[in-house]
């Protein structure tokens, strides 16, 4: 399944990768350097115009993880624009295509990937097209 990895480091572009989609895959992608694997929190945006969800490390405050500006902009712009200054997401974020009818995590669609490309362009990057 295709996912988007949104790093906290703004000098790094968003990456699209293929993974199996197992829980451990997500836990390894959101972990802090001091963790063996991270615990994940779903940030729901599936029923917004963004049509995707994010997974983040739910212990980002405990580990003092760096703010994820791109994930915060994405979330605040569609879910809570009036609370944009209060939204706080930190650590790497994993973008997925929401949840299917049986509770399974869905991969990104081409439309989702286009939205991630536009987000990255706002931060001065051009994501590879392949």
C-alpha atoms as a PDB file:
ATOM      1  CA  UNK A   1       0.000   0.000   0.000  1.00  0.00           C
ATOM      2  CA  UNK A   2       1.189   3.527  -0.710  1.00  0.00           C
ATOM      3  CA  UNK A   3       1.770   5.883   2.205  1.00  0.00           C
ATOM      4  CA  UNK A   4       3.216   9.360   2.589  1.00  0.00           C
ATOM      5  CA  UNK A   5       5.931  10.065   5.130  1.00  0.00           C
ATOM      6  CA  UNK A   6       5.907  13.672   6.329  1.00  0.00           C
ATOM      7  CA  UNK A   7       9.208  14.420   8.102  1.00  0.00           C
ATOM      8  CA  UNK A   8       9.510  17.121  10.749  1.00  0.00           C
ATOM      9  CA  UNK A   9      12.667  18.441   9.094  1.00  0.00           C
ATOM     10  CA  UNK A  10      11.421  20.995   6.581  1.00  0.00           C
ATOM     11  CA  UNK A  11      14.554  20.524   4.461  1.00  0.00           C
ATOM     12  CA  UNK A  12      13.378  16.967   3.683  1.00  0.00           C
ATOM     13  CA  UNK A  13      10.566  16.440   1.172  1.00  0.00           C
ATOM     14  CA  UNK A  14       7.514  14.276   1.786  1.00  0.00           C
ATOM     15  CA  UNK A  15       8.190  10.741   0.551  1.00  0.00           C
ATOM     16  CA  UNK A  16       5.761   8.262  -0.970  1.00  0.00           C
ATOM     17  CA  UNK A  17       6.634   4.667  -0.072  1.00  0.00           C
ATOM     18  CA  UNK A  18       5.125   1.196  -0.381  1.00  0.00           C
ATOM     19  CA  UNK A  19       4.636  -0.800   2.830  1.00  0.00           C
ATOM     20  CA  UNK A  20       2.693  -3.895   3.858  1.00  0.00           C
ATOM     21  CA  UNK A  21       0.517  -1.857   6.203  1.00  0.00           C
ATOM     22  CA  UNK A  22       1.117  -3.804   9.393  1.00  0.00           C
ATOM     23  CA  UNK A  23       0.943  -2.072  12.772  1.00  0.00           C
ATOM     24  CA  UNK A  24       4.693  -2.449  13.254  1.00  0.00           C
ATOM     25  CA  UNK A  25       5.323  -0.635   9.937  1.00  0.00           C
ATOM     26  CA  UNK A  26       3.583   2.474  11.272  1.00  0.00           C
ATOM     27  CA  UNK A  27       5.176   2.188  14.709  1.00  0.00           C
ATOM     28  CA  UNK A  28       8.669   2.126  13.200  1.00  0.00           C
ATOM     29  CA  UNK A  29       7.939   5.117  10.966  1.00  0.00           C
ATOM     30  CA  UNK A  30       6.723   7.382  13.804  1.00  0.00           C
ATOM     31  CA  UNK A  31       9.181   6.361  16.517  1.00  0.00           C
ATOM     32  CA  UNK A  32      11.525   8.701  18.324  1.00  0.00           C
ATOM     33  CA  UNK A  33      15.238   7.929  18.047  1.00  0.00           C
ATOM     34  CA  UNK A  34      15.224   6.655  21.647  1.00  0.00           C
ATOM     35  CA  UNK A  35      12.279   4.287  21.101  1.00  0.00           C
ATOM     36  CA  UNK A  36      12.404   0.740  19.740  1.00  0.00           C
ATOM     37  CA  UNK A  37       9.044   1.495  18.117  1.00  0.00           C
ATOM     38  CA  UNK A  38       6.488   4.271  18.583  1.00  0.00           C
ATOM     39  CA  UNK A  39       2.903   4.093  19.743  1.00  0.00           C
ATOM     40  CA  UNK A  40       0.573   5.504  17.130  1.00  0.00           C
ATOM     41  CA  UNK A  41      -2.331   7.902  17.266  1.00  0.00           C
ATOM     42  CA  UNK A  42      -4.730   8.273  14.342  1.00  0.00           C
ATOM     43  CA  UNK A  43      -5.454  11.851  13.318  1.00  0.00           C
ATOM     44  CA  UNK A  44      -8.721  11.537  11.420  1.00  0.00           C
ATOM     45  CA  UNK A  45      -9.235  13.586   8.264  1.00  0.00           C
ATOM     46  CA  UNK A  46     -10.927  10.947   6.092  1.00  0.00           C
ATOM     47  CA  UNK A  47     -14.298  12.706   6.114  1.00  0.00           C
ATOM     48  CA  UNK A  48     -12.880  16.104   5.179  1.00  0.00           C
ATOM     49  CA  UNK A  49     -11.918  17.418   1.742  1.00  0.00           C
ATOM     50  CA  UNK A  50      -8.421  15.992   2.401  1.00  0.00           C
ATOM     51  CA  UNK A  51      -9.819  12.400   2.339  1.00  0.00           C
ATOM     52  CA  UNK A  52      -6.909  10.896   4.280  1.00  0.00           C
ATOM     53  CA  UNK A  53      -5.726  10.237   7.818  1.00  0.00           C
ATOM     54  CA  UNK A  54      -2.398  10.665   9.582  1.00  0.00           C
ATOM     55  CA  UNK A  55      -0.613   8.415  12.041  1.00  0.00           C
ATOM     56  CA  UNK A  56       1.661  10.172  14.529  1.00  0.00           C
ATOM     57  CA  UNK A  57       3.528   9.140  17.673  1.00  0.00           C
ATOM     58  CA  UNK A  58       1.036   9.617  20.513  1.00  0.00           C
ATOM     59  CA  UNK A  59       3.891  10.152  22.984  1.00  0.00           C
ATOM     60  CA  UNK A  60       5.461  13.046  21.068  1.00  0.00           C
ATOM     61  CA  UNK A  61       5.213  15.360  24.088  1.00  0.00           C
ATOM     62  CA  UNK A  62       6.916  12.850  26.399  1.00  0.00           C
ATOM     63  CA  UNK A  63       9.828  12.474  23.987  1.00  0.00           C
ATOM     64  CA  UNK A  64      10.032  16.171  23.124  1.00  0.00           C
ATOM     65  CA  UNK A  65       9.661  15.473  19.421  1.00  0.00           C
ATOM     66  CA  UNK A  66       9.973  18.356  16.976  1.00  0.00           C
ATOM     67  CA  UNK A  67       6.818  20.050  15.660  1.00  0.00           C
ATOM     68  CA  UNK A  68       5.600  18.796  12.303  1.00  0.00           C
ATOM     69  CA  UNK A  69       4.643  22.025  10.551  1.00  0.00           C
ATOM     70  CA  UNK A  70       3.386  20.364   7.361  1.00  0.00           C
ATOM     71  CA  UNK A  71       1.147  17.906   9.239  1.00  0.00           C
ATOM     72  CA  UNK A  72      -0.192  20.757  11.370  1.00  0.00           C
ATOM     73  CA  UNK A  73      -0.979  22.909   8.314  1.00  0.00           C
ATOM     74  CA  UNK A  74      -2.698  19.977   6.635  1.00  0.00           C
ATOM     75  CA  UNK A  75      -4.832  19.195   9.678  1.00  0.00           C
ATOM     76  CA  UNK A  76      -5.667  22.761  10.650  1.00  0.00           C
ATOM     77  CA  UNK A  77      -6.636  23.765   7.114  1.00  0.00           C
ATOM     78  CA  UNK A  78      -9.380  21.161   6.786  1.00  0.00           C
ATOM     79  CA  UNK A  79     -10.440  20.105  10.265  1.00  0.00           C
ATOM     80  CA  UNK A  80     -10.118  23.106  12.514  1.00  0.00           C
ATOM     81  CA  UNK A  81      -9.160  26.302  10.654  1.00  0.00           C
ATOM     82  CA  UNK A  82     -10.496  28.436  13.497  1.00  0.00           C
ATOM     83  CA  UNK A  83      -8.188  26.613  15.927  1.00  0.00           C
ATOM     84  CA  UNK A  84      -5.095  26.562  13.698  1.00  0.00           C
ATOM     85  CA  UNK A  85      -2.924  28.243  16.324  1.00  0.00           C
ATOM     86  CA  UNK A  86      -3.886  25.566  18.887  1.00  0.00           C
ATOM     87  CA  UNK A  87      -3.145  22.493  16.747  1.00  0.00           C
ATOM     88  CA  UNK A  88       0.057  20.708  17.741  1.00  0.00           C
ATOM     89  CA  UNK A  89       1.422  17.627  16.004  1.00  0.00           C
ATOM     90  CA  UNK A  90       5.014  16.509  16.376  1.00  0.00           C
ATOM     91  CA  UNK A  91       7.356  13.860  15.069  1.00  0.00           C
ATOM     92  CA  UNK A  92       7.145  12.222  11.677  1.00  0.00           C
ATOM     93  CA  UNK A  93       3.622  11.721  10.347  1.00  0.00           C
ATOM     94  CA  UNK A  94       2.407   8.926   8.084  1.00  0.00           C
ATOM     95  CA  UNK A  95      -0.363   9.831   5.638  1.00  0.00           C
ATOM     96  CA  UNK A  96      -2.759   7.035   4.644  1.00  0.00           C
ATOM     97  CA  UNK A  97      -5.947   6.918   2.595  1.00  0.00           C
ATOM     98  CA  UNK A  98      -8.300   6.624   5.545  1.00  0.00           C
ATOM     99  CA  UNK A  99     -10.097   3.536   6.800  1.00  0.00           C
ATOM    100  CA  UNK A 100     -12.112   1.027   4.780  1.00  0.00           C
ATOM    101  CA  UNK A 101     -15.501  -0.491   5.563  1.00  0.00           C
ATOM    102  CA  UNK A 102     -13.980  -3.321   7.591  1.00  0.00           C
ATOM    103  CA  UNK A 103     -11.653  -1.098   9.632  1.00  0.00           C
ATOM    104  CA  UNK A 104      -8.599  -1.685   7.461  1.00  0.00           C
ATOM    105  CA  UNK A 105      -6.160   1.124   6.698  1.00  0.00           C
ATOM    106  CA  UNK A 106      -6.285   2.165   3.052  1.00  0.00           C
ATOM    107  CA  UNK A 107      -3.348   3.215   0.908  1.00  0.00           C
ATOM    108  CA  UNK A 108      -3.080   6.645  -0.655  1.00  0.00           C
ATOM    109  CA  UNK A 109      -4.952   7.332  -3.875  1.00  0.00           C
ATOM    110  CA  UNK A 110      -3.473   9.387  -6.709  1.00  0.00           C
ATOM    111  CA  UNK A 111      -5.649  12.276  -5.527  1.00  0.00           C
ATOM    112  CA  UNK A 112      -4.168  11.990  -2.013  1.00  0.00           C
ATOM    113  CA  UNK A 113      -0.657  11.985  -3.466  1.00  0.00           C
ATOM    114  CA  UNK A 114      -1.448  15.089  -5.524  1.00  0.00           C
ATOM    115  CA  UNK A 115      -2.591  16.843  -2.332  1.00  0.00           C
ATOM    116  CA  UNK A 116       0.644  15.880  -0.573  1.00  0.00           C
ATOM    117  CA  UNK A 117       2.627  17.225  -3.545  1.00  0.00           C
ATOM    118  CA  UNK A 118       0.777  20.543  -3.275  1.00  0.00           C
ATOM    119  CA  UNK A 119       1.444  20.683   0.469  1.00  0.00           C
ATOM    120  CA  UNK A 120       5.132  20.020  -0.099  1.00  0.00           C
ATOM    121  CA  UNK A 121       5.250  22.707  -2.782  1.00  0.00           C
ATOM    122  CA  UNK A 122       4.046  25.234  -0.175  1.00  0.00           C
ATOM    123  CA  UNK A 123       7.181  24.366   1.794  1.00  0.00           C
ATOM    124  CA  UNK A 124       9.504  24.708  -1.207  1.00  0.00           C
ATOM    125  CA  UNK A 125       9.802  21.083  -2.358  1.00  0.00           C
ATOM    126  CA  UNK A 126       8.974  19.199  -5.515  1.00  0.00           C
ATOM    127  CA  UNK A 127       8.082  15.603  -4.662  1.00  0.00           C
ATOM    128  CA  UNK A 128       9.284  12.981  -7.157  1.00  0.00           C
ATOM    129  CA  UNK A 129       6.432  11.860  -9.428  1.00  0.00           C
ATOM    130  CA  UNK A 130       7.171   8.135  -9.396  1.00  0.00           C
END
